[in-house]
Amino acid sequence: KSSDGWQLSDYELDDDELIETDAKAQNAYQDYTLNQKLAYKPTPKLDFYIEGSLYEKEIYNPHSVRSYDYNYEDLTYGAGAQYQLDDRDYVSLDYHHDKYLYFYRYNQEYRDYTEGDRKQNNDQRLDNVRTKYVNHISGNNTLTLGADYMNEQMFSDDRVIGGEAEAYTMALYAQEELTFFDAMDVVAGVRYVDHKEFGNAFTPKLSVLYNTGNLNLRGTYGFGFKAPTLKEQPNGSE
């Protein structure tokens, strides 16, 4: 994908003075994405897959506005498997990795940089492992049990104190989906979360949907928390 960008006005306000500018509302950019997924079913009960993607984006700033452009790179890959235990239940295991890089690419000489040089601002990495057991006990009852582990890392001399930050989140969860009289659906679940900085907590959820034919009535209760980002943690800084 690409765009030449556009400018809404040749002028901008500098305090109370109207001055000429080359700044654009949308800068020119180019980005490229390559992704692939391969799946294999060696037996009627077992499925495997592997997948990956490459992404790069360049945003071009007018030279009179900034001495650098923005350059982004992202690499992801993952794999997983699902095994059908019988006609009613299965287990699955998935792994996902994401590495995201953010650079300044200088479009002119600036201090110690020459045209084409890159300065890395950010290196963010994520690893996620998930496992799940699903049992369709009956047509009106589905039980789901699972576990989730995620580890995040950030490396940046300018954005975190000490140049790096890391956090993990571990979770166990259970959920029951029930249907009564073909008119009422109930979803009840609980999740136990252990976060490196926040600590641990139980986060329950209950949702009830009642269908009267021409009218749906829904009620939901839940409890949760928002964990700090890597920049907001004690060893991180905005």
Protein backbone atom coordinates (compact mmCIF):
# COMPACT_ATOMS: atom_id res chain seq x y z
CA LYS A 1 0.00 0.00 0.00
CA SER A 2 1.17 3.53 -0.63
CA SER A 3 0.06 7.14 -0.61
CA ASP A 4 1.58 10.39 -1.86
CA GLY A 5 0.08 12.15 1.16
CA TRP A 6 -1.86 15.40 1.10
CA GLN A 7 -1.75 18.91 2.50
CA LEU A 8 -4.88 20.71 3.63
CA SER A 9 -3.24 24.13 3.88
CA ASP A 10 0.03 25.83 2.97
CA TYR A 11 -0.10 27.64 6.32
CA GLU A 12 -0.13 26.81 10.02
CA LEU A 13 -0.30 28.77 13.25
CA ASP A 14 2.91 29.46 15.15
CA ASP A 15 1.61 31.00 18.38
CA ASP A 16 -0.67 33.68 16.90
CA GLU A 17 1.22 34.09 13.64
CA LEU A 18 0.24 32.42 10.37
CA ILE A 19 3.34 31.02 8.66
CA GLU A 20 3.99 29.00 5.51
CA THR A 21 4.62 25.28 6.04
CA ASP A 22 5.34 22.07 4.16
CA ALA A 23 3.68 19.98 6.88
CA LYS A 24 1.02 17.58 5.63
CA ALA A 25 -2.16 16.26 7.19
CA GLN A 26 -1.19 12.86 5.75
CA ASN A 27 2.46 12.19 5.00
CA ALA A 28 3.48 10.03 2.07
CA TYR A 29 4.06 6.38 2.99
CA GLN A 30 4.70 2.90 1.67
CA ASP A 31 4.09 -0.38 3.46
CA TYR A 32 4.55 -4.02 2.56
CA THR A 33 3.05 -7.15 4.09
CA LEU A 34 3.91 -10.78 3.38
CA ASN A 35 2.08 -13.52 5.27
CA GLN A 36 1.64 -17.25 4.95
CA LYS A 37 -0.16 -20.03 6.82
CA LEU A 38 0.35 -23.75 6.25
CA ALA A 39 -2.01 -26.35 7.71
CA TYR A 40 -1.61 -30.14 7.85
CA LYS A 41 -4.05 -32.83 8.99
CA PRO A 42 -2.11 -36.11 9.48
CA THR A 43 -5.10 -37.94 10.98
CA PRO A 44 -8.85 -37.25 11.11
CA LYS A 45 -8.44 -36.14 14.74
CA LEU A 46 -5.22 -34.09 14.58
CA ASP A 47 -4.57 -30.70 12.97
CA PHE A 48 -1.30 -28.75 12.81
CA TYR A 49 -0.53 -25.27 11.49
CA ILE A 50 2.39 -22.87 11.20
CA GLU A 51 2.13 -19.23 10.17
CA GLY A 52 4.22 -16.10 9.87
CA SER A 53 4.23 -12.56 8.53
CA LEU A 54 6.67 -9.79 7.62
CA TYR A 55 5.65 -6.14 7.63
CA GLU A 56 7.54 -2.92 6.87
CA LYS A 57 6.30 0.65 6.67
CA GLU A 58 8.06 3.89 5.80
CA ILE A 59 6.46 7.29 6.48
CA TYR A 60 8.16 10.18 4.66
CA ASN A 61 8.33 13.55 6.39
CA PRO A 62 8.93 16.73 4.36
CA HIS A 63 12.62 17.59 4.78
CA SER A 64 11.84 21.11 5.96
CA VAL A 65 9.62 19.70 8.75
CA ARG A 66 11.77 16.88 10.13
CA SER A 67 15.26 15.57 9.45
CA TYR A 68 14.08 11.96 9.66
CA ASP A 69 11.38 9.61 8.38
CA TYR A 70 9.61 6.91 10.38
CA ASN A 71 10.48 3.28 9.70
CA TYR A 72 8.58 0.31 11.20
CA GLU A 73 9.30 -3.42 10.99
CA ASP A 74 7.24 -6.27 12.38
CA LEU A 75 7.97 -10.01 12.36
CA THR A 76 5.44 -12.56 13.64
CA TYR A 77 5.38 -16.32 13.62
CA GLY A 78 3.46 -19.04 15.39
CA ALA A 79 2.34 -22.64 15.41
CA GLY A 80 -0.42 -24.70 16.92
CA ALA A 81 -2.22 -28.01 17.07
CA GLN A 82 -5.70 -29.29 17.88
CA TYR A 83 -6.59 -32.85 18.83
CA GLN A 84 -10.16 -34.13 18.75
CA LEU A 85 -10.57 -36.44 21.74
CA ASP A 86 -13.99 -37.67 20.61
CA ASP A 87 -17.04 -36.21 18.91
CA ARG A 88 -17.70 -33.83 21.80
CA ASP A 89 -14.38 -32.48 23.07
CA TYR A 90 -10.94 -31.38 21.93
CA VAL A 91 -7.68 -29.88 23.25
CA SER A 92 -5.56 -27.23 21.53
CA LEU A 93 -2.13 -25.65 22.00
CA ASP A 94 -0.95 -22.44 20.30
CA TYR A 95 2.24 -20.34 20.33
CA HIS A 96 2.66 -16.81 18.94
CA HIS A 97 5.73 -14.53 18.72
CA ASP A 98 5.78 -10.87 17.70
CA LYS A 99 8.85 -8.63 17.28
CA TYR A 100 8.14 -4.96 16.49
CA LEU A 101 10.89 -2.42 15.70
CA TYR A 102 10.57 1.36 15.32
CA PHE A 103 13.30 3.56 13.78
CA TYR A 104 14.11 7.09 12.70
CA ARG A 105 15.59 6.98 9.18
CA TYR A 106 17.42 10.26 8.52
CA ASN A 107 16.62 11.96 5.22
CA GLN A 108 19.49 14.46 5.50
CA GLU A 109 22.64 15.08 7.49
CA TYR A 110 21.87 15.81 11.14
CA ARG A 111 24.42 15.94 13.97
CA ASP A 112 26.29 12.63 13.78
CA TYR A 113 23.85 11.10 11.27
CA THR A 114 24.10 11.06 7.49
CA GLU A 115 21.30 10.51 5.00
CA GLY A 116 20.01 6.93 5.17
CA ASP A 117 21.20 6.23 8.73
CA ARG A 118 18.70 4.63 11.11
CA LYS A 119 18.30 5.19 14.85
CA GLN A 120 16.39 2.51 16.72
CA ASN A 121 13.81 3.91 19.12
CA ASN A 122 11.93 0.84 20.18
CA ASP A 123 12.20 -2.95 20.19
CA GLN A 124 9.07 -4.67 21.53
CA ARG A 125 8.71 -8.45 21.77
CA LEU A 126 5.80 -10.65 22.78
CA ASP A 127 5.58 -14.40 23.36
CA ASN A 128 2.22 -16.01 24.02
CA VAL A 129 1.39 -19.66 24.78
CA ARG A 130 -2.25 -20.77 25.06
CA THR A 131 -3.83 -24.15 25.77
CA LYS A 132 -7.54 -24.91 25.85
CA TYR A 133 -9.92 -27.80 26.49
CA VAL A 134 -13.48 -27.58 25.09
CA ASN A 135 -16.20 -30.10 25.87
CA HIS A 136 -19.61 -29.92 24.19
CA ILE A 137 -21.29 -31.82 26.99
CA SER A 138 -24.62 -31.54 25.20
CA GLY A 139 -26.30 -29.35 22.64
CA ASN A 140 -27.17 -26.95 25.46
CA ASN A 141 -23.99 -27.13 27.53
CA THR A 142 -20.38 -26.28 26.61
CA LEU A 143 -17.49 -26.28 29.07
CA THR A 144 -14.20 -24.50 28.32
CA LEU A 145 -11.02 -24.73 30.42
CA GLY A 146 -7.78 -22.99 29.54
CA ALA A 147 -4.42 -21.55 30.49
CA ASP A 148 -2.59 -18.57 29.02
CA TYR A 149 1.00 -17.29 29.43
CA MET A 150 2.26 -14.05 27.90
CA ASN A 151 5.67 -12.42 28.27
CA GLU A 152 6.38 -8.89 26.99
CA GLN A 153 9.73 -7.14 26.61
CA MET A 154 10.72 -3.64 25.57
CA PHE A 155 14.22 -2.41 24.74
CA SER A 156 14.62 1.36 24.36
CA ASP A 157 17.28 3.75 25.63
CA ASP A 158 14.91 6.72 25.34
CA ARG A 159 11.58 5.30 26.54
CA VAL A 160 12.32 3.10 29.55
CA ILE A 161 14.66 3.60 32.50
CA GLY A 162 17.67 1.32 32.26
CA GLY A 163 16.97 0.62 28.60
CA GLU A 164 14.66 -2.37 29.05
CA ALA A 165 11.46 -3.53 30.74
CA GLU A 166 9.73 -6.90 31.02
CA ALA A 167 6.43 -8.25 32.33
CA TYR A 168 4.63 -11.57 32.30
CA THR A 169 0.98 -12.50 32.72
CA MET A 170 -0.23 -16.00 33.61
CA ALA A 171 -3.91 -16.94 33.63
CA LEU A 172 -6.19 -19.90 34.25
CA TYR A 173 -9.84 -19.76 33.26
CA ALA A 174 -13.07 -21.74 33.16
CA GLN A 175 -16.30 -20.95 31.34
CA GLU A 176 -19.70 -22.63 31.13
CA GLU A 177 -22.22 -21.87 28.37
CA LEU A 178 -25.79 -23.05 29.05
CA THR A 179 -29.03 -22.78 27.09
CA PHE A 180 -32.41 -23.13 28.81
CA PHE A 181 -35.71 -23.71 26.98
CA ASP A 182 -34.17 -22.43 23.71
CA ALA A 183 -34.85 -18.93 25.01
CA MET A 184 -32.23 -18.15 27.64
CA ASP A 185 -28.44 -18.32 27.23
CA VAL A 186 -26.20 -18.09 30.27
CA VAL A 187 -22.42 -17.68 30.12
CA ALA A 188 -20.58 -17.90 33.44
CA GLY A 189 -16.83 -17.78 33.78
CA VAL A 190 -13.95 -17.02 36.09
CA ARG A 191 -10.35 -16.14 35.33
CA TYR A 192 -7.38 -16.20 37.70
CA VAL A 193 -4.62 -13.80 36.64
CA ASP A 194 -1.09 -13.40 37.97
CA HIS A 195 0.71 -10.29 36.66
CA LYS A 196 4.31 -9.38 37.43
CA GLU A 197 3.46 -5.91 38.75
CA PHE A 198 -0.25 -6.01 39.59
CA GLY A 199 -0.12 -9.31 41.49
CA ASN A 200 -2.96 -11.82 41.29
CA ALA A 201 -6.72 -11.51 41.07
CA PHE A 202 -9.91 -13.42 40.23
CA THR A 203 -12.00 -11.82 37.49
CA PRO A 204 -15.51 -13.33 37.27
CA LYS A 205 -18.08 -12.74 34.54
CA LEU A 206 -21.77 -13.60 34.19
CA SER A 207 -23.93 -12.88 31.14
CA VAL A 208 -27.60 -13.74 30.65
CA LEU A 209 -29.50 -13.35 27.37
CA TYR A 210 -33.27 -13.90 27.20
CA ASN A 211 -35.02 -14.05 23.82
CA THR A 212 -38.75 -13.30 23.82
CA GLY A 213 -39.06 -13.65 20.04
CA ASN A 214 -39.07 -9.99 18.98
CA LEU A 215 -37.00 -8.69 21.88
CA ASN A 216 -33.62 -9.65 23.36
CA LEU A 217 -32.97 -8.83 27.01
CA ARG A 218 -29.33 -9.04 28.14
CA GLY A 219 -27.67 -8.50 31.50
CA THR A 220 -23.94 -8.74 32.21
CA TYR A 221 -21.77 -8.52 35.30
CA GLY A 222 -18.00 -8.62 35.28
CA PHE A 223 -14.92 -7.56 37.19
CA GLY A 224 -11.46 -6.94 35.81
CA PHE A 225 -8.36 -4.76 35.90
CA LYS A 226 -6.07 -2.98 33.47
CA ALA A 227 -2.45 -3.98 33.93
CA PRO A 228 0.21 -1.27 33.51
CA THR A 229 1.99 -1.10 30.18
CA LEU A 230 5.73 -1.67 30.04
CA LYS A 231 6.30 2.11 30.00
CA GLU A 232 4.13 2.54 33.12
CA GLN A 233 5.89 -0.05 35.27
CA PRO A 234 8.38 0.86 38.03
CA ASN A 235 11.35 0.21 35.74
CA GLY A 236 9.64 1.99 32.82
CA SER A 237 9.15 5.65 31.98
CA GLU A 238 7.19 7.72 29.50
